[in-house]
C-alpha atoms as a PDB file:
ATOM      1  CA  MET A   1     -46.539 -24.837  15.744  1.00  0.00           C
ATOM      2  CA  GLU A   2     -46.857 -27.082  12.699  1.00  0.00           C
ATOM      3  CA  SER A   3     -50.533 -26.199  12.395  1.00  0.00           C
ATOM      4  CA  ALA A   4     -49.716 -22.489  12.301  1.00  0.00           C
ATOM      5  CA  ILE A   5     -47.162 -23.070   9.536  1.00  0.00           C
ATOM      6  CA  GLN A   6     -49.675 -25.117   7.547  1.00  0.00           C
ATOM      7  CA  MET A   7     -52.324 -22.439   7.990  1.00  0.00           C
ATOM      8  CA  SER A   8     -49.888 -19.731   6.920  1.00  0.00           C
ATOM      9  CA  THR A   9     -48.942 -21.652   3.758  1.00  0.00           C
ATOM     10  CA  LYS A  10     -52.588 -22.260   2.940  1.00  0.00           C
ATOM     11  CA  THR A  11     -53.370 -18.583   3.446  1.00  0.00           C
ATOM     12  CA  TRP A  12     -50.495 -17.494   1.186  1.00  0.00           C
ATOM     13  CA  ARG A  13     -51.640 -19.867  -1.552  1.00  0.00           C
ATOM     14  CA  GLU A  14     -55.128 -18.430  -1.390  1.00  0.00           C
ATOM     15  CA  LEU A  15     -53.856 -14.864  -1.351  1.00  0.00           C
ATOM     16  CA  PHE A  16     -51.608 -15.550  -4.347  1.00  0.00           C
ATOM     17  CA  SER A  17     -54.479 -17.158  -6.260  1.00  0.00           C
ATOM     18  CA  TYR A  18     -56.900 -14.303  -5.595  1.00  0.00           C
ATOM     19  CA  SER A  19     -54.223 -11.692  -6.360  1.00  0.00           C
ATOM     20  CA  ILE A  20     -53.470 -13.227  -9.765  1.00  0.00           C
ATOM     21  CA  LEU A  21     -57.186 -13.193 -10.580  1.00  0.00           C
ATOM     22  CA  THR A  22     -57.610  -9.574  -9.503  1.00  0.00           C
ATOM     23  CA  LEU A  23     -54.417  -8.342 -11.173  1.00  0.00           C
ATOM     24  CA  GLY A  24     -55.216 -10.120 -14.444  1.00  0.00           C
ATOM     25  CA  THR A  25     -58.765  -8.790 -14.593  1.00  0.00           C
ATOM     26  CA  LEU A  26     -57.684  -5.258 -13.705  1.00  0.00           C
ATOM     27  CA  GLY A  27     -54.854  -5.326 -16.238  1.00  0.00           C
ATOM     28  CA  ASP A  28     -57.116  -6.575 -19.007  1.00  0.00           C
ATOM     29  CA  TYR A  29     -59.781  -3.997 -18.158  1.00  0.00           C
ATOM     30  CA  VAL A  30     -57.376  -1.046 -18.108  1.00  0.00           C
ATOM     31  CA  SER A  31     -55.405  -2.117 -21.185  1.00  0.00           C
ATOM     32  CA  THR A  32     -58.638  -2.663 -23.134  1.00  0.00           C
ATOM     33  CA  HIS A  33     -59.869   0.827 -22.301  1.00  0.00           C
ATOM     34  CA  VAL A  34     -56.529   2.419 -23.129  1.00  0.00           C
ATOM     35  CA  GLY A  35     -56.320   0.451 -26.376  1.00  0.00           C
ATOM     36  CA  LEU A  36     -59.824   1.460 -27.418  1.00  0.00           C
ATOM     37  CA  SER A  37     -58.870   5.123 -27.059  1.00  0.00           C
ATOM     38  CA  PHE A  38     -56.564   4.743 -30.114  1.00  0.00           C
ATOM     39  CA  GLU A  39     -58.326   5.062 -33.440  1.00  0.00           C
ATOM     40  CA  ASN A  40     -56.303   2.315 -35.140  1.00  0.00           C
ATOM     41  CA  LEU A  41     -57.060  -0.319 -32.450  1.00  0.00           C
ATOM     42  CA  PHE A  42     -60.344  -2.108 -32.046  1.00  0.00           C
ATOM     43  CA  GLU A  43     -61.819  -4.974 -30.018  1.00  0.00           C
ATOM     44  CA  ILE A  44     -62.405  -8.257 -31.837  1.00  0.00           C
ATOM     45  CA  ASN A  45     -64.267 -10.118 -29.082  1.00  0.00           C
ATOM     46  CA  PRO A  46     -67.994  -9.653 -29.824  1.00  0.00           C
ATOM     47  CA  LEU A  47     -68.974 -10.167 -26.179  1.00  0.00           C
ATOM     48  CA  THR A  48     -66.561  -7.480 -25.025  1.00  0.00           C
ATOM     49  CA  ILE A  49     -67.777  -5.125 -27.766  1.00  0.00           C
ATOM     50  CA  GLN A  50     -71.354  -5.587 -26.567  1.00  0.00           C
ATOM     51  CA  LEU A  51     -70.421  -5.129 -22.898  1.00  0.00           C
ATOM     52  CA  VAL A  52     -68.435  -1.962 -23.620  1.00  0.00           C
ATOM     53  CA  ALA A  53     -71.287  -0.571 -25.728  1.00  0.00           C
ATOM     54  CA  MET A  54     -73.792  -1.222 -22.921  1.00  0.00           C
ATOM     55  CA  ARG A  55     -71.362   0.144 -20.289  1.00  0.00           C
ATOM     56  CA  MET A  56     -71.418  -3.224 -18.529  1.00  0.00           C
ATOM     57  CA  TRP A  57     -67.718  -4.083 -18.954  1.00  0.00           C
ATOM     58  CA  LEU A  58     -66.749  -2.895 -15.447  1.00  0.00           C
ATOM     59  CA  PRO A  59     -69.734  -4.442 -13.589  1.00  0.00           C
ATOM     60  CA  VAL A  60     -69.228  -7.790 -15.312  1.00  0.00           C
ATOM     61  CA  ASN A  61     -65.523  -7.746 -14.449  1.00  0.00           C
ATOM     62  CA  LEU A  62     -66.315  -6.923 -10.824  1.00  0.00           C
ATOM     63  CA  VAL A  63     -68.832  -9.777 -10.625  1.00  0.00           C
ATOM     64  CA  LEU A  64     -66.321 -12.188 -12.189  1.00  0.00           C
ATOM     65  CA  VAL A  65     -63.673 -11.216  -9.636  1.00  0.00           C
ATOM     66  CA  MET A  66     -66.117 -11.475  -6.728  1.00  0.00           C
ATOM     67  CA  LEU A  67     -67.339 -14.900  -7.847  1.00  0.00           C
ATOM     68  CA  GLY A  68     -63.794 -16.016  -8.651  1.00  0.00           C
ATOM     69  CA  ILE A  69     -62.825 -15.272  -5.056  1.00  0.00           C
ATOM     70  CA  ALA A  70     -66.047 -16.188  -3.241  1.00  0.00           C
ATOM     71  CA  ILE A  71     -66.624 -19.621  -4.767  1.00  0.00           C
ATOM     72  CA  PRO A  72     -63.171 -21.106  -3.997  1.00  0.00           C
ATOM     73  CA  PHE A  73     -63.182 -19.368  -0.603  1.00  0.00           C
ATOM     74  CA  LEU A  74     -66.499 -20.974   0.337  1.00  0.00           C
ATOM     75  CA  ILE A  75     -65.568 -24.372  -1.089  1.00  0.00           C
ATOM     76  CA  ILE A  76     -62.358 -24.406   0.941  1.00  0.00           C
ATOM     77  CA  ARG A  77     -64.110 -23.283   4.134  1.00  0.00           C
ATOM     78  CA  LEU A  78     -67.183 -25.524   3.822  1.00  0.00           C
ATOM     79  CA  SER A  79     -65.504 -28.631   2.427  1.00  0.00           C
ATOM     80  CA  ALA A  80     -64.802 -31.537   4.749  1.00  0.00           C
ATOM     81  CA  GLU A  81     -61.713 -32.477   2.741  1.00  0.00           C
ATOM     82  CA  GLU A  82     -58.421 -31.264   4.091  1.00  0.00           C
ATOM     83  CA  ASN A  83     -56.605 -31.305   0.756  1.00  0.00           C
ATOM     84  CA  ASN A  84     -58.637 -29.210  -1.681  1.00  0.00           C
ATOM     85  CA  ARG A  85     -55.895 -27.051  -3.188  1.00  0.00           C
ATOM     86  CA  PHE A  86     -57.085 -27.844  -6.721  1.00  0.00           C
ATOM     87  CA  VAL A  87     -59.921 -25.364  -6.186  1.00  0.00           C
ATOM     88  CA  LEU A  88     -57.382 -22.528  -6.216  1.00  0.00           C
ATOM     89  CA  SER A  89     -56.316 -23.442  -9.748  1.00  0.00           C
ATOM     90  CA  PHE A  90     -59.487 -21.902 -11.196  1.00  0.00           C
ATOM     91  CA  PRO A  91     -58.769 -18.310 -10.086  1.00  0.00           C
ATOM     92  CA  ILE A  92     -55.129 -18.734 -11.123  1.00  0.00           C
ATOM     93  CA  VAL A  93     -56.031 -19.985 -14.614  1.00  0.00           C
ATOM     94  CA  HIS A  94     -58.611 -17.221 -15.075  1.00  0.00           C
ATOM     95  CA  GLY A  95     -56.115 -14.618 -13.877  1.00  0.00           C
ATOM     96  CA  VAL A  96     -53.322 -15.914 -16.118  1.00  0.00           C
ATOM     97  CA  ILE A  97     -55.626 -15.838 -19.163  1.00  0.00           C
ATOM     98  CA  ARG A  98     -56.615 -12.258 -18.368  1.00  0.00           C
ATOM     99  CA  LEU A  99     -52.953 -11.304 -17.745  1.00  0.00           C
ATOM    100  CA  SER A 100     -52.126 -12.761 -21.150  1.00  0.00           C
ATOM    101  CA  ALA A 101     -54.831 -10.572 -22.688  1.00  0.00           C
ATOM    102  CA  CYS A 102     -53.338  -7.588 -20.846  1.00  0.00           C
ATOM    103  CA  VAL A 103     -49.861  -8.319 -22.207  1.00  0.00           C
ATOM    104  CA  TRP A 104     -51.307  -8.715 -25.715  1.00  0.00           C
ATOM    105  CA  ASN A 105     -53.197  -5.426 -25.404  1.00  0.00           C
ATOM    106  CA  CYS A 106     -50.085  -3.656 -24.131  1.00  0.00           C
ATOM    107  CA  SER A 107     -48.014  -5.029 -27.023  1.00  0.00           C
ATOM    108  CA  LEU A 108     -50.598  -3.673 -29.470  1.00  0.00           C
ATOM    109  CA  ILE A 109     -50.635  -0.293 -27.745  1.00  0.00           C
ATOM    110  CA  LEU A 110     -46.843   0.017 -27.819  1.00  0.00           C
ATOM    111  CA  MET A 111     -46.514  -0.925 -31.515  1.00  0.00           C
END
């Protein structure tokens, strides 16, 4: 019974981590596109400007999400260590940064 509870907690942590990454990336992507539709708003990140101009913004975001989920997933499954929760901090940090960008974009759109 204890093993099932541990597994459930571990699964929820992973799901939370991957959800934050996905939600942050999606929010940043959508808010960037909505913001760029206004004539008085513009992108200041040169990498994003280049990716949008080459129509690579969506594919790059999809690859980042896939890698952000696949790498921790594989490390957790293939690692011999039992306690490797620190690996889940990377998708969470990436997702929180992208969520912050989404909130910033939304604040600019609403002003």
